[in-house]
Amino acid sequence: MAIDRIDWHADSTEQYDLPYENAGTHIGMFLAWVINHHLEGELHIEESLEELAQVRERKMTGREFLIKMCDEKFWEEDLNGEGLAFVKFYYEAEDYRYYADYEETLVQNLPSIYHVEDTWENYDLIAAKITAAYQQWKTKN
């Protein structure tokens, strides 16, 4: 089952006259965090080792990985068991925890989440929030 997909957000990027791939920046940043914390699924360990290394070395962004290796879709299979459990707690939470942190951290004075630039500087800002949520989740589980 898909957790998130670029095409689910494409109408919003069109509305703002932004490039289509901007619809995947928030997904890609989370995916880069997953990769940097070795929570990716077996599928990627078997088929995407070079690309995983490129993300970890900051030669490829999470959004680029999402487009190139995940067919623009973030699936349960992209995660290992621990990663999936955390996604259910944080990314798919009823109170939209990840989206709230993303907006609070990166959107600020921008018109939408789709205006956030796909940079490692922005990743570092949101990664700190994701890591804090992950540590909180780990202490409860």
Protein backbone atom coordinates (compact mmCIF):
# COMPACT_ATOMS: atom_id res chain seq x y z
CA MET A 1 0.00 0.00 0.00
CA ALA A 2 1.29 3.46 -0.86
CA ILE A 3 2.12 5.76 2.03
CA ASP A 4 2.49 8.83 -0.17
CA ARG A 5 2.93 9.58 -3.86
CA ILE A 6 4.04 12.58 -5.88
CA ASP A 7 0.94 12.43 -8.08
CA TRP A 8 -1.30 12.83 -5.03
CA HIS A 9 0.16 16.34 -4.65
CA ALA A 10 0.54 17.29 -8.33
CA ASP A 11 -2.60 19.43 -8.47
CA SER A 12 -1.20 21.59 -5.69
CA THR A 13 2.08 22.21 -7.51
CA GLU A 14 0.13 23.04 -10.68
CA GLN A 15 -1.98 25.50 -8.73
CA TYR A 16 1.19 27.35 -7.74
CA ASP A 17 2.79 26.93 -11.17
CA LEU A 18 5.64 24.93 -9.64
CA PRO A 19 7.56 22.03 -11.20
CA TYR A 20 5.88 18.64 -10.81
CA GLU A 21 8.75 17.20 -8.77
CA ASN A 22 8.19 19.80 -6.03
CA ALA A 23 5.21 17.63 -5.06
CA GLY A 24 7.73 15.08 -3.80
CA THR A 25 10.12 17.20 -1.76
CA HIS A 26 8.46 16.48 1.59
CA ILE A 27 8.33 12.76 0.77
CA GLY A 28 11.93 12.71 -0.38
CA MET A 29 13.23 14.43 2.73
CA PHE A 30 11.55 11.84 4.90
CA LEU A 31 12.86 9.06 2.67
CA ALA A 32 16.40 10.47 2.92
CA TRP A 33 16.06 10.38 6.71
CA VAL A 34 14.92 6.74 6.49
CA ILE A 35 17.94 5.88 4.35
CA ASN A 36 20.35 7.75 6.62
CA HIS A 37 19.01 5.76 9.59
CA HIS A 38 19.17 2.40 7.78
CA LEU A 39 15.41 1.86 7.99
CA GLU A 40 14.98 1.12 4.28
CA GLY A 41 13.38 -2.10 3.14
CA GLU A 42 15.09 -5.23 1.87
CA LEU A 43 14.03 -4.32 -1.67
CA HIS A 44 16.41 -1.37 -1.70
CA ILE A 45 19.20 -3.26 0.03
CA GLU A 46 18.99 -5.84 -2.75
CA GLU A 47 18.46 -3.51 -5.72
CA SER A 48 19.60 0.01 -4.83
CA LEU A 49 22.87 -0.19 -2.89
CA GLU A 50 24.67 2.34 -5.08
CA GLU A 51 21.79 4.81 -4.87
CA LEU A 52 21.47 4.32 -1.09
CA ALA A 53 25.16 5.20 -0.81
CA GLN A 54 24.65 8.27 -3.01
CA VAL A 55 21.93 9.54 -0.64
CA ARG A 56 24.09 8.87 2.41
CA GLU A 57 26.98 10.71 0.73
CA ARG A 58 24.64 13.57 -0.25
CA LYS A 59 25.24 13.02 -3.95
CA MET A 60 21.52 12.32 -4.50
CA THR A 61 18.63 13.88 -2.60
CA GLY A 62 15.79 11.87 -1.16
CA ARG A 63 13.47 13.35 -3.76
CA GLU A 64 15.79 12.21 -6.54
CA PHE A 65 15.85 8.73 -4.96
CA LEU A 66 12.05 8.75 -4.75
CA ILE A 67 11.75 9.59 -8.44
CA LYS A 68 14.55 7.35 -9.70
CA MET A 69 14.24 4.28 -7.46
CA CYS A 70 10.66 4.35 -6.16
CA ASP A 71 8.71 5.34 -9.27
CA GLU A 72 7.62 8.53 -7.44
CA LYS A 73 5.82 6.49 -4.75
CA PHE A 74 6.63 5.87 -1.09
CA TRP A 75 5.51 2.31 -0.31
CA GLU A 76 5.50 0.16 2.80
CA GLU A 77 8.04 -2.03 0.98
CA ASP A 78 10.47 0.90 1.01
CA LEU A 79 10.84 0.35 4.76
CA ASN A 80 12.01 -2.36 7.12
CA GLY A 81 9.77 -3.37 10.03
CA GLU A 82 11.03 -0.71 12.41
CA GLY A 83 10.81 1.96 9.73
CA LEU A 84 7.23 1.03 8.92
CA ALA A 85 6.20 1.09 12.58
CA PHE A 86 7.73 4.56 12.94
CA VAL A 87 6.00 5.78 9.76
CA LYS A 88 2.65 4.68 11.15
CA PHE A 89 3.37 6.60 14.36
CA TYR A 90 4.74 9.76 12.75
CA TYR A 91 4.19 10.15 9.00
CA GLU A 92 0.74 8.60 8.83
CA ALA A 93 -0.42 9.82 12.25
CA GLU A 94 -3.98 11.11 12.54
CA ASP A 95 -2.65 14.47 13.72
CA TYR A 96 -0.27 14.68 10.74
CA ARG A 97 2.81 15.00 12.97
CA TYR A 98 5.32 14.94 10.14
CA TYR A 99 3.45 17.52 8.09
CA ALA A 100 3.10 19.77 11.13
CA ASP A 101 6.83 19.56 11.85
CA TYR A 102 7.65 20.06 8.17
CA GLU A 103 5.49 23.18 7.95
CA GLU A 104 6.73 24.61 11.24
CA THR A 105 10.37 23.99 10.32
CA LEU A 106 10.56 24.68 6.60
CA VAL A 107 7.49 26.47 5.26
CA GLN A 108 7.31 29.50 7.57
CA ASN A 109 6.78 32.43 5.15
CA LEU A 110 6.43 30.34 1.99
CA PRO A 111 3.03 30.03 0.28
CA SER A 112 2.95 26.20 0.63
CA ILE A 113 4.93 23.08 1.48
CA TYR A 114 5.59 22.72 -2.24
CA HIS A 115 7.73 25.85 -2.26
CA VAL A 116 10.38 24.29 0.02
CA GLU A 117 13.65 23.84 -1.85
CA ASP A 118 15.08 20.34 -2.14
CA THR A 119 18.40 21.11 -0.43
CA TRP A 120 20.54 19.36 2.12
CA GLU A 121 20.34 22.46 4.31
CA ASN A 122 16.56 22.09 4.48
CA TYR A 123 16.95 18.35 5.00
CA ASP A 124 19.19 18.99 8.00
CA LEU A 125 16.53 21.20 9.57
CA ILE A 126 13.68 18.71 9.18
CA ALA A 127 15.92 15.71 9.96
CA ALA A 128 16.47 17.11 13.45
CA LYS A 129 12.70 17.13 14.02
CA ILE A 130 12.26 13.63 12.60
CA THR A 131 15.09 12.34 14.78
CA ALA A 132 13.53 13.88 17.89
CA ALA A 133 10.19 12.23 17.06
CA TYR A 134 11.96 8.93 16.40
CA GLN A 135 13.77 9.06 19.75
CA GLN A 136 10.49 9.85 21.51
CA TRP A 137 8.83 6.93 19.73
CA LYS A 138 11.73 4.59 20.57
CA THR A 139 11.48 5.37 24.30
CA LYS A 140 7.78 4.44 24.24
CA ASN A 141 8.31 1.20 22.32
